[in-house]
Structures are given as C-alpha cells and as structure tokens.
Amino acid sequence: MIVKSKLLKQISDNYPNFLKKDLEKFFNIFLNQVMESLKRGERVELRGFCIFSSNLQKPRISRNPKTGEKVHTPKKRTIHFKMAKELFNKLNNEKK
C-alpha cells in the first residue's frame, strides 16, 4: 500500500531539486482541483491513467440488513473510476 507521505517521499527522492514543501503544496492543489471538479459534476480525465466521474444516486428506501427495518437513504454522489487502456495493459503485462 502506498500513502500520500510515501508518494511524496518518492517524488522528492526522484526530483531532489524541488523542495519537499513545494511538492506537497502542488500535490494538495492537484487533489483539491480534482475534488472540486467532481463536486461540480465534471469529468476528470488523466490520459493514460484513468477517468473519474461523479454519479448521482437517487433517494430510495432500503433495508437495514440486521433488523430488516426500512430506512430512507437520501440522494448522494458517488465516484466512478475507469482505468485507461494503457494502465490496464501495464497491469496485465500486455504489449500494445
């Protein structure tokens, strides 16, 4: 598993001429822009890696699996992740 701090460390090791605090600031700006775009309902496409999009789930009546009681589930946004073909091929060691 890789966490944000490990990823930042790897980036700073590969690019020692950048300050670690600047890399962290850039990374936070990047993530915030992705989140804001998804909040606005926009699609985020990172070519060669993935596509993020947000879907709106309608409100519905669901059941509590433990008690069987009916529960109202309000509308909510969910994130849809679609892997790019290039990433899929790299993960599956396919040459194209």
PDB file of N, CA and C in Angstrom:
ATOM      1  N   MET A   1       0.850  -1.175   0.000  1.00  0.00           N
ATOM      2  CA  MET A   1       0.000   0.000   0.000  1.00  0.00           C
ATOM      3  C   MET A   1       0.892   1.234   0.000  1.00  0.00           C
ATOM      4  N   ILE A   2       0.465   2.241  -0.727  1.00  0.00           N
ATOM      5  CA  ILE A   2       1.210   3.496  -0.737  1.00  0.00           C
ATOM      6  C   ILE A   2       0.310   4.596  -0.190  1.00  0.00           C
ATOM      7  N   VAL A   3       0.873   5.401   0.673  1.00  0.00           N
ATOM      8  CA  VAL A   3       0.134   6.519   1.253  1.00  0.00           C
ATOM      9  C   VAL A   3       0.742   7.809   0.723  1.00  0.00           C
ATOM     10  N   LYS A   4       0.034   8.895   0.949  1.00  0.00           N
ATOM     11  CA  LYS A   4       0.441  10.187   0.418  1.00  0.00           C
ATOM     12  C   LYS A   4       1.876  10.549   0.821  1.00  0.00           C
ATOM     13  N   SER A   5       2.247  10.310   2.073  1.00  0.00           N
ATOM     14  CA  SER A   5       3.588  10.669   2.541  1.00  0.00           C
ATOM     15  C   SER A   5       4.668   9.857   1.817  1.00  0.00           C
ATOM     16  N   LYS A   6       4.406   8.568   1.569  1.00  0.00           N
ATOM     17  CA  LYS A   6       5.371   7.735   0.839  1.00  0.00           C
ATOM     18  C   LYS A   6       5.509   8.204  -0.608  1.00  0.00           C
ATOM     19  N   LEU A   7       4.387   8.536  -1.208  1.00  0.00           N
ATOM     20  CA  LEU A   7       4.394   9.007  -2.584  1.00  0.00           C
ATOM     21  C   LEU A   7       5.182  10.311  -2.693  1.00  0.00           C
ATOM     22  N   LEU A   8       4.946  11.230  -1.762  1.00  0.00           N
ATOM     23  CA  LEU A   8       5.689  12.489  -1.763  1.00  0.00           C
ATOM     24  C   LEU A   8       7.184  12.254  -1.554  1.00  0.00           C
ATOM     25  N   LYS A   9       7.530  11.306  -0.712  1.00  0.00           N
ATOM     26  CA  LYS A   9       8.940  10.991  -0.476  1.00  0.00           C
ATOM     27  C   LYS A   9       9.592  10.448  -1.740  1.00  0.00           C
ATOM     28  N   GLN A  10       8.885   9.554  -2.445  1.00  0.00           N
ATOM     29  CA  GLN A  10       9.424   9.002  -3.686  1.00  0.00           C
ATOM     30  C   GLN A  10       9.620  10.093  -4.736  1.00  0.00           C
ATOM     31  N   ILE A  11       8.650  11.001  -4.822  1.00  0.00           N
ATOM     32  CA  ILE A  11       8.765  12.098  -5.791  1.00  0.00           C
ATOM     33  C   ILE A  11       9.937  12.998  -5.424  1.00  0.00           C
ATOM     34  N   SER A  12      10.064  13.322  -4.137  1.00  0.00           N
ATOM     35  CA  SER A  12      11.167  14.202  -3.721  1.00  0.00           C
ATOM     36  C   SER A  12      12.525  13.514  -3.898  1.00  0.00           C
ATOM     37  N   ASP A  13      12.573  12.192  -3.752  1.00  0.00           N
ATOM     38  CA  ASP A  13      13.821  11.462  -3.996  1.00  0.00           C
ATOM     39  C   ASP A  13      14.193  11.479  -5.480  1.00  0.00           C
ATOM     40  N   ASN A  14      13.178  11.375  -6.344  1.00  0.00           N
ATOM     41  CA  ASN A  14      13.424  11.382  -7.789  1.00  0.00           C
ATOM     42  C   ASN A  14      13.724  12.774  -8.325  1.00  0.00           C
ATOM     43  N   TYR A  15      13.220  13.806  -7.660  1.00  0.00           N
ATOM     44  CA  TYR A  15      13.421  15.193  -8.089  1.00  0.00           C
ATOM     45  C   TYR A  15      13.979  16.005  -6.927  1.00  0.00           C
ATOM     46  N   PRO A  16      15.253  15.808  -6.607  1.00  0.00           N
ATOM     47  CA  PRO A  16      15.834  16.465  -5.419  1.00  0.00           C
ATOM     48  C   PRO A  16      15.947  17.979  -5.540  1.00  0.00           C
ATOM     49  N   ASN A  17      15.842  18.533  -6.761  1.00  0.00           N
ATOM     50  CA  ASN A  17      15.948  19.972  -6.918  1.00  0.00           C
ATOM     51  C   ASN A  17      14.666  20.716  -6.518  1.00  0.00           C
ATOM     52  N   PHE A  18      13.572  19.989  -6.274  1.00  0.00           N
ATOM     53  CA  PHE A  18      12.331  20.597  -5.787  1.00  0.00           C
ATOM     54  C   PHE A  18      12.272  20.465  -4.273  1.00  0.00           C
ATOM     55  N   LEU A  19      11.819  21.506  -3.619  1.00  0.00           N
ATOM     56  CA  LEU A  19      11.641  21.445  -2.170  1.00  0.00           C
ATOM     57  C   LEU A  19      10.461  20.543  -1.835  1.00  0.00           C
ATOM     58  N   LYS A  20      10.586  19.807  -0.754  1.00  0.00           N
ATOM     59  CA  LYS A  20       9.531  18.873  -0.350  1.00  0.00           C
ATOM     60  C   LYS A  20       8.220  19.612  -0.068  1.00  0.00           C
ATOM     61  N   LYS A  21       8.319  20.797   0.552  1.00  0.00           N
ATOM     62  CA  LYS A  21       7.095  21.550   0.869  1.00  0.00           C
ATOM     63  C   LYS A  21       6.399  22.027  -0.405  1.00  0.00           C
ATOM     64  N   ASP A  22       7.187  22.349  -1.461  1.00  0.00           N
ATOM     65  CA  ASP A  22       6.593  22.764  -2.733  1.00  0.00           C
ATOM     66  C   ASP A  22       5.893  21.591  -3.417  1.00  0.00           C
ATOM     67  N   LEU A  23       6.519  20.414  -3.359  1.00  0.00           N
ATOM     68  CA  LEU A  23       5.889  19.223  -3.936  1.00  0.00           C
ATOM     69  C   LEU A  23       4.592  18.894  -3.213  1.00  0.00           C
ATOM     70  N   GLU A  24       4.595  19.016  -1.884  1.00  0.00           N
ATOM     71  CA  GLU A  24       3.388  18.744  -1.114  1.00  0.00           C
ATOM     72  C   GLU A  24       2.288  19.755  -1.445  1.00  0.00           C
ATOM     73  N   LYS A  25       2.677  21.008  -1.599  1.00  0.00           N
ATOM     74  CA  LYS A  25       1.698  22.046  -1.948  1.00  0.00           C
ATOM     75  C   LYS A  25       1.093  21.765  -3.324  1.00  0.00           C
ATOM     76  N   PHE A  26       1.937  21.411  -4.287  1.00  0.00           N
ATOM     77  CA  PHE A  26       1.467  21.072  -5.628  1.00  0.00           C
ATOM     78  C   PHE A  26       0.507  19.890  -5.590  1.00  0.00           C
ATOM     79  N   PHE A  27       0.890  18.857  -4.846  1.00  0.00           N
ATOM     80  CA  PHE A  27       0.067  17.654  -4.755  1.00  0.00           C
ATOM     81  C   PHE A  27      -1.295  17.966  -4.136  1.00  0.00           C
ATOM     82  N   ASN A  28      -1.317  18.795  -3.084  1.00  0.00           N
ATOM     83  CA  ASN A  28      -2.579  19.186  -2.448  1.00  0.00           C
ATOM     84  C   ASN A  28      -3.442  20.005  -3.392  1.00  0.00           C
ATOM     85  N   ILE A  29      -2.831  20.915  -4.143  1.00  0.00           N
ATOM     86  CA  ILE A  29      -3.585  21.704  -5.127  1.00  0.00           C
ATOM     87  C   ILE A  29      -4.187  20.785  -6.175  1.00  0.00           C
ATOM     88  N   PHE A  30      -3.405  19.829  -6.655  1.00  0.00           N
ATOM     89  CA  PHE A  30      -3.884  18.882  -7.655  1.00  0.00           C
ATOM     90  C   PHE A  30      -5.097  18.102  -7.141  1.00  0.00           C
ATOM     91  N   LEU A  31      -4.976  17.540  -5.937  1.00  0.00           N
ATOM     92  CA  LEU A  31      -6.082  16.759  -5.376  1.00  0.00           C
ATOM     93  C   LEU A  31      -7.313  17.625  -5.134  1.00  0.00           C
ATOM     94  N   ASN A  32      -7.119  18.849  -4.655  1.00  0.00           N
ATOM     95  CA  ASN A  32      -8.251  19.746  -4.430  1.00  0.00           C
ATOM     96  C   ASN A  32      -8.960  20.094  -5.735  1.00  0.00           C
ATOM     97  N   GLN A  33      -8.203  20.290  -6.805  1.00  0.00           N
ATOM     98  CA  GLN A  33      -8.814  20.589  -8.098  1.00  0.00           C
ATOM     99  C   GLN A  33      -9.623  19.405  -8.614  1.00  0.00           C
ATOM    100  N   VAL A  34      -9.106  18.201  -8.423  1.00  0.00           N
ATOM    101  CA  VAL A  34      -9.854  17.001  -8.830  1.00  0.00           C
ATOM    102  C   VAL A  34     -11.155  16.914  -8.029  1.00  0.00           C
ATOM    103  N   MET A  35     -11.076  17.127  -6.704  1.00  0.00           N
ATOM    104  CA  MET A  35     -12.280  17.049  -5.866  1.00  0.00           C
ATOM    105  C   MET A  35     -13.296  18.128  -6.232  1.00  0.00           C
ATOM    106  N   GLU A  36     -12.826  19.339  -6.474  1.00  0.00           N
ATOM    107  CA  GLU A  36     -13.742  20.425  -6.831  1.00  0.00           C
ATOM    108  C   GLU A  36     -14.423  20.149  -8.171  1.00  0.00           C
ATOM    109  N   SER A  37     -13.684  19.629  -9.124  1.00  0.00           N
ATOM    110  CA  SER A  37     -14.280  19.296 -10.423  1.00  0.00           C
ATOM    111  C   SER A  37     -15.353  18.221 -10.272  1.00  0.00           C
ATOM    112  N   LEU A  38     -15.081  17.217  -9.459  1.00  0.00           N
ATOM    113  CA  LEU A  38     -16.067  16.154  -9.236  1.00  0.00           C
ATOM    114  C   LEU A  38     -17.294  16.691  -8.508  1.00  0.00           C
ATOM    115  N   LYS A  39     -17.094  17.630  -7.569  1.00  0.00           N
ATOM    116  CA  LYS A  39     -18.235  18.244  -6.876  1.00  0.00           C
ATOM    117  C   LYS A  39     -19.139  18.982  -7.845  1.00  0.00           C
ATOM    118  N   ARG A  40     -18.521  19.626  -8.854  1.00  0.00           N
ATOM    119  CA  ARG A  40     -19.300  20.369  -9.851  1.00  0.00           C
ATOM    120  C   ARG A  40     -19.943  19.440 -10.877  1.00  0.00           C
ATOM    121  N   GLY A  41     -19.666  18.153 -10.776  1.00  0.00           N
ATOM    122  CA  GLY A  41     -20.250  17.188 -11.707  1.00  0.00           C
ATOM    123  C   GLY A  41     -19.448  17.042 -12.982  1.00  0.00           C
ATOM    124  N   GLU A  42     -18.224  17.577 -13.006  1.00  0.00           N
ATOM    125  CA  GLU A  42     -17.387  17.485 -14.190  1.00  0.00           C
ATOM    126  C   GLU A  42     -16.610  16.164 -14.183  1.00  0.00           C
ATOM    127  N   ARG A  43     -16.171  15.788 -15.341  1.00  0.00           N
ATOM    128  CA  ARG A  43     -15.389  14.566 -15.519  1.00  0.00           C
ATOM    129  C   ARG A  43     -13.909  14.936 -15.470  1.00  0.00           C
ATOM    130  N   VAL A  44     -13.102  14.125 -14.822  1.00  0.00           N
ATOM    131  CA  VAL A  44     -11.662  14.358 -14.731  1.00  0.00           C
ATOM    132  C   VAL A  44     -10.962  13.243 -15.492  1.00  0.00           C
ATOM    133  N   GLU A  45     -10.237  13.620 -16.530  1.00  0.00           N
ATOM    134  CA  GLU A  45      -9.568  12.636 -17.375  1.00  0.00           C
ATOM    135  C   GLU A  45      -8.059  12.829 -17.279  1.00  0.00           C
ATOM    136  N   LEU A  46      -7.370  11.811 -16.823  1.00  0.00           N
ATOM    137  CA  LEU A  46      -5.910  11.813 -16.758  1.00  0.00           C
ATOM    138  C   LEU A  46      -5.453  10.813 -17.814  1.00  0.00           C
ATOM    139  N   ARG A  47      -5.123  11.313 -18.984  1.00  0.00           N
ATOM    140  CA  ARG A  47      -4.815  10.459 -20.130  1.00  0.00           C
ATOM    141  C   ARG A  47      -3.739   9.441 -19.800  1.00  0.00           C
ATOM    142  N   GLY A  48      -3.993   8.211 -20.182  1.00  0.00           N
ATOM    143  CA  GLY A  48      -3.049   7.128 -19.948  1.00  0.00           C
ATOM    144  C   GLY A  48      -3.155   6.535 -18.556  1.00  0.00           C
ATOM    145  N   PHE A  49      -3.998   7.134 -17.696  1.00  0.00           N
ATOM    146  CA  PHE A  49      -4.129   6.627 -16.328  1.00  0.00           C
ATOM    147  C   PHE A  49      -5.571   6.254 -16.011  1.00  0.00           C
ATOM    148  N   CYS A  50      -6.464   7.245 -15.956  1.00  0.00           N
ATOM    149  CA  CYS A  50      -7.848   6.929 -15.584  1.00  0.00           C
ATOM    150  C   CYS A  50      -8.784   8.083 -15.893  1.00  0.00           C
ATOM    151  N   ILE A  51     -10.067   7.816 -15.677  1.00  0.00           N
ATOM    152  CA  ILE A  51     -11.116   8.816 -15.765  1.00  0.00           C
ATOM    153  C   ILE A  51     -11.930   8.721 -14.481  1.00  0.00           C
ATOM    154  N   PHE A  52     -12.137   9.860 -13.833  1.00  0.00           N
ATOM    155  CA  PHE A  52     -13.018   9.951 -12.675  1.00  0.00           C
ATOM    156  C   PHE A  52     -14.269  10.701 -13.101  1.00  0.00           C
ATOM    157  N   SER A  53     -15.417  10.228 -12.675  1.00  0.00           N
ATOM    158  CA  SER A  53     -16.650  10.968 -12.886  1.00  0.00           C
ATOM    159  C   SER A  53     -17.537  10.750 -11.671  1.00  0.00           C
ATOM    160  N   SER A  54     -18.451  11.695 -11.447  1.00  0.00           N
ATOM    161  CA  SER A  54     -19.348  11.542 -10.304  1.00  0.00           C
ATOM    162  C   SER A  54     -20.737  11.188 -10.816  1.00  0.00           C
ATOM    163  N   ASN A  55     -21.389  10.303 -10.106  1.00  0.00           N
ATOM    164  CA  ASN A  55     -22.750   9.880 -10.420  1.00  0.00           C
ATOM    165  C   ASN A  55     -23.655  10.298  -9.279  1.00  0.00           C
ATOM    166  N   LEU A  56     -24.891  10.605  -9.595  1.00  0.00           N
ATOM    167  CA  LEU A  56     -25.856  10.965  -8.571  1.00  0.00           C
ATOM    168  C   LEU A  56     -26.794   9.785  -8.351  1.00  0.00           C
ATOM    169  N   GLN A  57     -26.804   9.262  -7.131  1.00  0.00           N
ATOM    170  CA  GLN A  57     -27.734   8.184  -6.798  1.00  0.00           C
ATOM    171  C   GLN A  57     -29.021   8.808  -6.278  1.00  0.00           C
ATOM    172  N   LYS A  58     -30.141   8.359  -6.786  1.00  0.00           N
ATOM    173  CA  LYS A  58     -31.430   8.892  -6.378  1.00  0.00           C
ATOM    174  C   LYS A  58     -31.754   8.442  -4.951  1.00  0.00           C
ATOM    175  N   PRO A  59     -32.598   9.212  -4.256  1.00  0.00           N
ATOM    176  CA  PRO A  59     -33.027   8.756  -2.928  1.00  0.00           C
ATOM    177  C   PRO A  59     -33.854   7.479  -3.070  1.00  0.00           C
ATOM    178  N   ARG A  60     -33.791   6.625  -2.066  1.00  0.00           N
ATOM    179  CA  ARG A  60     -34.515   5.358  -2.153  1.00  0.00           C
ATOM    180  C   ARG A  60     -34.836   4.837  -0.759  1.00  0.00           C
ATOM    181  N   ILE A  61     -35.663   3.842  -0.732  1.00  0.00           N
ATOM    182  CA  ILE A  61     -35.974   3.142   0.510  1.00  0.00           C
ATOM    183  C   ILE A  61     -35.167   1.851   0.496  1.00  0.00           C
ATOM    184  N   SER A  62     -34.331   1.672   1.506  1.00  0.00           N
ATOM    185  CA  SER A  62     -33.534   0.454   1.604  1.00  0.00           C
ATOM    186  C   SER A  62     -33.851  -0.237   2.921  1.00  0.00           C
ATOM    187  N   ARG A  63     -33.221  -1.339   3.171  1.00  0.00           N
ATOM    188  CA  ARG A  63     -33.479  -2.103   4.398  1.00  0.00           C
ATOM    189  C   ARG A  63     -32.204  -2.231   5.218  1.00  0.00           C
ATOM    190  N   ASN A  64     -32.380  -2.169   6.525  1.00  0.00           N
ATOM    191  CA  ASN A  64     -31.289  -2.455   7.445  1.00  0.00           C
ATOM    192  C   ASN A  64     -31.109  -3.969   7.428  1.00  0.00           C
ATOM    193  N   PRO A  65     -29.946  -4.480   7.010  1.00  0.00           N
ATOM    194  CA  PRO A  65     -29.782  -5.934   6.890  1.00  0.00           C
ATOM    195  C   PRO A  65     -29.874  -6.666   8.229  1.00  0.00           C
ATOM    196  N   LYS A  66     -29.576  -5.979   9.316  1.00  0.00           N
ATOM    197  CA  LYS A  66     -29.593  -6.623  10.622  1.00  0.00           C
ATOM    198  C   LYS A  66     -31.019  -6.788  11.147  1.00  0.00           C
ATOM    199  N   THR A  67     -31.833  -5.728  10.989  1.00  0.00           N
ATOM    200  CA  THR A  67     -33.185  -5.756  11.556  1.00  0.00           C
ATOM    201  C   THR A  67     -34.278  -5.937  10.517  1.00  0.00           C
ATOM    202  N   GLY A  68     -33.961  -5.668   9.248  1.00  0.00           N
ATOM    203  CA  GLY A  68     -34.979  -5.757   8.207  1.00  0.00           C
ATOM    204  C   GLY A  68     -35.838  -4.505   8.147  1.00  0.00           C
ATOM    205  N   GLU A  69     -35.563  -3.535   8.991  1.00  0.00           N
ATOM    206  CA  GLU A  69     -36.343  -2.293   9.048  1.00  0.00           C
ATOM    207  C   GLU A  69     -36.084  -1.444   7.803  1.00  0.00           C
ATOM    208  N   LYS A  70     -37.137  -0.790   7.287  1.00  0.00           N
ATOM    209  CA  LYS A  70     -36.997   0.090   6.131  1.00  0.00           C
ATOM    210  C   LYS A  70     -36.319   1.381   6.572  1.00  0.00           C
ATOM    211  N   VAL A  71     -35.375   1.824   5.736  1.00  0.00           N
ATOM    212  CA  VAL A  71     -34.601   3.031   6.034  1.00  0.00           C
ATOM    213  C   VAL A  71     -34.584   3.918   4.793  1.00  0.00           C
ATOM    214  N   HIS A  72     -34.803   5.217   4.998  1.00  0.00           N
ATOM    215  CA  HIS A  72     -34.739   6.156   3.883  1.00  0.00           C
ATOM    216  C   HIS A  72     -33.276   6.511   3.625  1.00  0.00           C
ATOM    217  N   THR A  73     -32.811   6.280   2.405  1.00  0.00           N
ATOM    218  CA  THR A  73     -31.451   6.635   2.012  1.00  0.00           C
ATOM    219  C   THR A  73     -31.546   7.870   1.127  1.00  0.00           C
ATOM    220  N   PRO A  74     -30.959   9.000   1.550  1.00  0.00           N
ATOM    221  CA  PRO A  74     -31.054  10.230   0.749  1.00  0.00           C
ATOM    222  C   PRO A  74     -30.211  10.150  -0.516  1.00  0.00           C
ATOM    223  N   LYS A  75     -30.428  11.108  -1.433  1.00  0.00           N
ATOM    224  CA  LYS A  75     -29.608  11.130  -2.647  1.00  0.00           C
ATOM    225  C   LYS A  75     -28.163  11.433  -2.251  1.00  0.00           C
ATOM    226  N   LYS A  76     -27.243  10.903  -3.054  1.00  0.00           N
ATOM    227  CA  LYS A  76     -25.829  11.124  -2.766  1.00  0.00           C
ATOM    228  C   LYS A  76     -25.014  10.983  -4.038  1.00  0.00           C
ATOM    229  N   ARG A  77     -23.832  11.563  -4.006  1.00  0.00           N
ATOM    230  CA  ARG A  77     -22.913  11.455  -5.134  1.00  0.00           C
ATOM    231  C   ARG A  77     -21.932  10.313  -4.875  1.00  0.00           C
ATOM    232  N   THR A  78     -21.622   9.581  -5.922  1.00  0.00           N
ATOM    233  CA  THR A  78     -20.625   8.524  -5.852  1.00  0.00           C
ATOM    234  C   THR A  78     -19.575   8.781  -6.932  1.00  0.00           C
ATOM    235  N   ILE A  79     -18.413   8.218  -6.753  1.00  0.00           N
ATOM    236  CA  ILE A  79     -17.329   8.392  -7.711  1.00  0.00           C
ATOM    237  C   ILE A  79     -17.210   7.140  -8.569  1.00  0.00           C
ATOM    238  N   HIS A  80     -17.100   7.356  -9.862  1.00  0.00           N
ATOM    239  CA  HIS A  80     -16.892   6.261 -10.807  1.00  0.00           C
ATOM    240  C   HIS A  80     -15.465   6.374 -11.325  1.00  0.00           C
ATOM    241  N   PHE A  81     -14.724   5.283 -11.267  1.00  0.00           N
ATOM    242  CA  PHE A  81     -13.333   5.220 -11.709  1.00  0.00           C
ATOM    243  C   PHE A  81     -13.254   4.292 -12.904  1.00  0.00           C
ATOM    244  N   LYS A  82     -12.690   4.782 -13.989  1.00  0.00           N
ATOM    245  CA  LYS A  82     -12.485   3.916 -15.152  1.00  0.00           C
ATOM    246  C   LYS A  82     -11.004   3.967 -15.522  1.00  0.00           C
ATOM    247  N   MET A  83     -10.390   2.821 -15.550  1.00  0.00           N
ATOM    248  CA  MET A  83      -8.972   2.688 -15.847  1.00  0.00           C
ATOM    249  C   MET A  83      -8.735   2.887 -17.347  1.00  0.00           C
ATOM    250  N   ALA A  84      -7.654   3.566 -17.693  1.00  0.00           N
ATOM    251  CA  ALA A  84      -7.277   3.738 -19.097  1.00  0.00           C
ATOM    252  C   ALA A  84      -6.719   2.424 -19.644  1.00  0.00           C
ATOM    253  N   LYS A  85      -6.837   2.257 -20.945  1.00  0.00           N
ATOM    254  CA  LYS A  85      -6.334   1.032 -21.578  1.00  0.00           C
ATOM    255  C   LYS A  85      -4.842   0.853 -21.349  1.00  0.00           C
ATOM    256  N   GLU A  86      -4.095   1.957 -21.375  1.00  0.00           N
ATOM    257  CA  GLU A  86      -2.642   1.874 -21.164  1.00  0.00           C
ATOM    258  C   GLU A  86      -2.321   1.316 -19.779  1.00  0.00           C
ATOM    259  N   LEU A  87      -3.030   1.793 -18.766  1.00  0.00           N
ATOM    260  CA  LEU A  87      -2.815   1.296 -17.409  1.00  0.00           C
ATOM    261  C   LEU A  87      -3.231  -0.162 -17.297  1.00  0.00           C
ATOM    262  N   PHE A  88      -4.356  -0.500 -17.906  1.00  0.00           N
ATOM    263  CA  PHE A  88      -4.825  -1.884 -17.895  1.00  0.00           C
ATOM    264  C   PHE A  88      -3.768  -2.809 -18.501  1.00  0.00           C
ATOM    265  N   ASN A  89      -3.210  -2.388 -19.646  1.00  0.00           N
ATOM    266  CA  ASN A  89      -2.197  -3.210 -20.310  1.00  0.00           C
ATOM    267  C   ASN A  89      -0.933  -3.343 -19.466  1.00  0.00           C
ATOM    268  N   LYS A  90      -0.526  -2.269 -18.793  1.00  0.00           N
ATOM    269  CA  LYS A  90       0.654  -2.339 -17.930  1.00  0.00           C
ATOM    270  C   LYS A  90       0.420  -3.268 -16.741  1.00  0.00           C
ATOM    271  N   LEU A  91      -0.779  -3.187 -16.163  1.00  0.00           N
ATOM    272  CA  LEU A  91      -1.089  -4.042 -15.011  1.00  0.00           C
ATOM    273  C   LEU A  91      -1.146  -5.512 -15.389  1.00  0.00           C
ATOM    274  N   ASN A  92      -1.564  -5.762 -16.606  1.00  0.00           N
ATOM    275  CA  ASN A  92      -1.717  -7.141 -17.072  1.00  0.00           C
ATOM    276  C   ASN A  92      -0.585  -7.596 -17.967  1.00  0.00           C
ATOM    277  N   ASN A  93       0.496  -6.826 -18.021  1.00  0.00           N
ATOM    278  CA  ASN A  93       1.698  -7.158 -18.794  1.00  0.00           C
ATOM    279  C   ASN A  93       1.395  -7.460 -20.260  1.00  0.00           C
ATOM    280  N   GLU A  94       0.484  -6.719 -20.817  1.00  0.00           N
ATOM    281  CA  GLU A  94       0.164  -6.901 -22.229  1.00  0.00           C
ATOM    282  C   GLU A  94       0.929  -5.861 -23.035  1.00  0.00           C
ATOM    283  N   LYS A  95       1.451  -6.254 -24.166  1.00  0.00           N
ATOM    284  CA  LYS A  95       2.187  -5.343 -25.040  1.00  0.00           C
ATOM    285  C   LYS A  95       1.262  -4.852 -26.144  1.00  0.00           C
ATOM    286  N   LYS A  96       1.189  -3.530 -26.296  1.00  0.00           N
ATOM    287  CA  LYS A  96       0.393  -2.952 -27.406  1.00  0.00           C
ATOM    288  C   LYS A  96       0.974  -1.669 -27.825  1.00  0.00           C
TER     289      LYS A  96
END
